[in-house]
Each structure stands twice: as structure tokens, then as C-alpha cells.
Amino acid sequence: MDGSERAELEAYYRRVLKTSVEFEKRIRERWRKRCREKSRRIAELEARVAELERRLRAVEGREEGVDRKTKERKLIALMIGDLGVSDTDEPEMNRMTREVQDLPDEELDRALARRLGLTYPADEEDLMRALERVQEPERLSEGFTGAPDMSHEARPGEREG
């Protein structure tokens, strides 16, 4: 093999090597691009799963802690605070309780959100945190029986006989 054949053969192998390297680079770049797309899609799906889990926790939390009765009690406590009435008598309390109980769910949620400074519809987690800060008067959490208040000496109309 003379020098020119040898140079021609080396040039041929350099071209083959160069094209195979370029081919390998294209394959690697395509693989990287697909990996980036998969990673992006995985991130989207993980975000979606996290959102669904958050919503599920909110729904479970609503069933466990922020049920209708809790919302009603907290709204009544806020109403009492707004009125500045520290010792509401039982008939007034019963009237307020009936009014709150008669509210449709949407109106109850809207009133709570407005009163707590939340946007409506309120995020369940934000609503739960806000409701936890609402202090209920002792009498409100104990409930009213409808029976006469016997914590004092009986009045003439309350005495038996």
C-alpha cells in the first residue's frame, strides 16, 4: 500500500468516524429531548396529583372538621362578636341559630368567607385555618336547652305549684 492509498483510506475512515460521531450526537440529543419532555410531563402529573390530594384532604377535612354544624356555630360566634353582645339571652340566641340553620350551604359559605376576609369560594384549607381562630363563647359551645335558667333563685313565674 503506497502513501496515496494510505492517505485515501485514512480520509475515508475519518469521514466514517465523523459521520458516526455526528449520528451518535443526534441520537443522544434526541434521547435528551425525550427525557426532558418526559420529565416535564412527570412534573405536570405530579403537580396534578398533589392538587388532587390537596382537594381530597380538604374534602376529608370538611367531613371531619368543617362540617355544616361547625360552620353554623362559627358564624353565630362571629355574629355575636359583631353585635358586641357578650351575654345573649336564649330566645335571641335561638332566633339567630334558626336563621343561620335556614341558610343554604352556598349562602353560609359565602357569609363565612366574607366575614373572615376570604374570597368566595374559599379554599378549604384557608377556611379551616380561619375558622380555627374564631373563638366561640362558652354558652354557644354548650348549647341552649330551652329550659329556664335555674342558675339563680327561681322567679315567681318559674316556681312550680
Protein backbone atom coordinates (compact mmCIF):
# COMPACT_ATOMS: atom_id res chain seq x y z
CA MET A 1 0.00 0.00 0.00
CA ASP A 2 1.56 3.20 -1.12
CA GLY A 3 1.26 6.60 0.55
CA SER A 4 -1.64 7.90 -1.57
CA GLU A 5 -3.78 4.79 -0.98
CA ARG A 6 -2.98 5.01 2.70
CA ALA A 7 -3.97 8.72 2.83
CA GLU A 8 -7.18 7.94 0.91
CA LEU A 9 -8.03 5.11 3.31
CA GLU A 10 -7.35 7.31 6.36
CA ALA A 11 -9.53 10.07 4.89
CA TYR A 12 -12.31 7.54 4.29
CA TYR A 13 -12.13 6.29 7.89
CA ARG A 14 -12.07 9.87 9.21
CA ARG A 15 -15.29 10.59 7.26
CA VAL A 16 -16.89 7.39 8.55
CA LEU A 17 -15.80 8.22 12.07
CA LYS A 18 -17.03 11.82 11.73
CA THR A 19 -20.46 10.76 10.41
CA SER A 20 -20.81 8.08 13.08
CA VAL A 21 -19.93 10.63 15.79
CA GLU A 22 -22.49 13.08 14.34
CA PHE A 23 -25.06 10.29 14.16
CA GLU A 24 -24.38 9.36 17.78
CA LYS A 25 -24.69 13.04 18.82
CA ARG A 26 -28.09 13.29 17.07
CA ILE A 27 -29.27 10.11 18.79
CA ARG A 28 -28.05 11.41 22.19
CA GLU A 29 -29.70 14.80 21.60
CA ARG A 30 -32.99 13.13 20.64
CA TRP A 31 -32.76 10.97 23.76
CA ARG A 32 -32.09 14.05 25.95
CA LYS A 33 -35.01 15.88 24.35
CA ARG A 34 -37.35 12.94 25.05
CA CYS A 35 -36.06 12.74 28.62
CA ARG A 36 -36.75 16.47 29.09
CA GLU A 37 -40.27 16.02 27.67
CA LYS A 38 -40.89 13.04 29.95
CA SER A 39 -39.55 14.96 32.94
CA ARG A 40 -41.78 17.93 32.12
CA ARG A 41 -44.80 15.64 31.77
CA ILE A 42 -43.95 13.85 35.01
CA ALA A 43 -43.70 17.22 36.77
CA GLU A 44 -47.13 18.19 35.38
CA LEU A 45 -48.63 14.90 36.53
CA GLU A 46 -47.03 15.18 39.97
CA ALA A 47 -48.44 18.69 40.33
CA ARG A 48 -51.87 17.41 39.30
CA VAL A 49 -51.65 14.54 41.79
CA ALA A 50 -50.61 16.96 44.54
CA GLU A 51 -53.58 19.20 43.70
CA LEU A 52 -55.98 16.24 43.75
CA GLU A 53 -54.53 15.04 47.05
CA ARG A 54 -54.92 18.54 48.50
CA ARG A 55 -58.54 18.64 47.37
CA LEU A 56 -59.15 15.17 48.78
CA ARG A 57 -57.68 16.23 52.13
CA ALA A 58 -59.90 19.30 52.03
CA VAL A 59 -62.98 17.17 51.38
CA GLU A 60 -61.97 14.73 54.11
CA GLY A 61 -61.23 17.66 56.40
CA ARG A 62 -64.66 19.08 55.67
CA GLU A 63 -66.23 15.77 56.65
CA GLU A 64 -64.09 15.55 59.78
CA GLY A 65 -63.85 19.15 60.98
CA VAL A 66 -65.53 21.76 58.83
CA ASP A 67 -68.96 20.29 58.65
CA ARG A 68 -72.14 22.31 58.43
CA LYS A 69 -72.69 22.40 62.23
CA THR A 70 -69.19 23.78 62.82
CA LYS A 71 -69.69 26.43 60.17
CA GLU A 72 -73.03 27.40 61.73
CA ARG A 73 -71.53 27.68 65.22
CA LYS A 74 -68.60 29.75 63.97
CA LEU A 75 -70.88 32.12 62.03
CA ILE A 76 -73.07 32.60 65.09
CA ALA A 77 -69.97 33.31 67.18
CA LEU A 78 -68.87 35.90 64.61
CA MET A 79 -72.36 37.46 64.61
CA ILE A 80 -72.32 37.71 68.41
CA GLY A 81 -68.88 39.31 68.26
CA ASP A 82 -70.03 41.76 65.58
CA LEU A 83 -73.04 42.76 67.66
CA GLY A 84 -70.83 43.25 70.71
CA VAL A 85 -73.20 41.19 72.78
CA SER A 86 -71.28 39.18 75.33
CA ASP A 87 -74.26 37.62 77.07
CA THR A 88 -77.01 36.93 74.54
CA ASP A 89 -80.25 35.71 76.05
CA GLU A 90 -81.59 32.33 75.00
CA PRO A 91 -84.54 33.48 72.85
CA GLU A 92 -82.27 35.78 70.84
CA MET A 93 -79.68 33.03 70.51
CA ASN A 94 -82.34 30.57 69.33
CA ARG A 95 -83.58 33.08 66.74
CA MET A 96 -80.04 33.65 65.43
CA THR A 97 -79.40 29.90 65.36
CA ARG A 98 -82.57 29.25 63.35
CA GLU A 99 -81.68 31.99 60.87
CA VAL A 100 -78.20 30.55 60.34
CA GLN A 101 -79.56 27.00 60.08
CA ASP A 102 -82.05 28.14 57.43
CA LEU A 103 -79.27 29.48 55.20
CA PRO A 104 -78.50 27.37 52.11
CA ASP A 105 -74.97 25.89 52.11
CA GLU A 106 -73.78 28.36 49.50
CA GLU A 107 -75.03 31.37 51.46
CA LEU A 108 -73.49 30.02 54.66
CA ASP A 109 -70.14 29.57 52.93
CA ARG A 110 -70.40 32.99 51.28
CA ALA A 111 -71.22 34.69 54.60
CA LEU A 112 -68.33 32.96 56.36
CA ALA A 113 -65.89 33.82 53.57
CA ARG A 114 -66.97 37.47 53.56
CA ARG A 115 -66.83 37.75 57.35
CA LEU A 116 -63.42 36.05 57.54
CA GLY A 117 -61.96 38.19 54.74
CA LEU A 118 -61.61 35.28 52.31
CA THR A 119 -62.54 35.20 48.67
CA TYR A 120 -65.56 33.13 47.71
CA PRO A 121 -65.41 30.27 47.08
CA ALA A 122 -62.88 29.93 49.87
CA ASP A 123 -60.03 27.44 49.72
CA GLU A 124 -60.88 24.71 52.22
CA GLU A 125 -57.50 24.85 53.95
CA ASP A 126 -57.72 28.65 54.30
CA LEU A 127 -61.28 28.33 55.60
CA MET A 128 -60.26 25.68 58.12
CA ARG A 129 -57.39 27.83 59.40
CA ALA A 130 -59.62 30.91 59.65
CA LEU A 131 -62.37 29.02 61.48
CA GLU A 132 -59.87 27.63 63.98
CA ARG A 133 -59.11 31.22 65.03
CA VAL A 134 -62.78 32.04 65.72
CA GLN A 135 -63.40 31.89 69.46
CA GLU A 136 -66.82 30.60 70.43
CA PRO A 137 -68.47 31.90 73.61
CA GLU A 138 -68.79 29.18 76.25
CA ARG A 139 -72.58 29.28 76.20
CA LEU A 140 -72.59 28.85 72.42
CA SER A 141 -70.45 25.74 72.51
CA GLU A 142 -72.51 24.33 75.39
CA GLY A 143 -75.76 24.90 73.55
CA PHE A 144 -79.15 26.02 74.75
CA THR A 145 -81.70 23.64 76.17
CA GLY A 146 -84.85 25.72 76.03
CA ALA A 147 -85.25 25.08 79.77
CA PRO A 148 -85.47 28.00 82.18
CA ASP A 149 -82.17 29.29 83.51
CA MET A 150 -82.01 27.96 87.07
CA SER A 151 -78.59 29.37 87.94
CA HIS A 152 -80.39 31.97 90.06
CA GLU A 153 -83.21 31.97 92.59
CA ALA A 154 -86.40 30.96 90.80
CA ARG A 155 -88.62 33.85 89.76
CA PRO A 156 -92.30 33.74 90.67
CA GLY A 157 -93.29 32.58 87.15
CA GLU A 158 -90.67 29.81 87.25
CA ARG A 159 -91.76 28.28 90.55
CA GLU A 160 -93.77 25.11 90.49
CA GLY A 161 -97.06 24.81 92.14
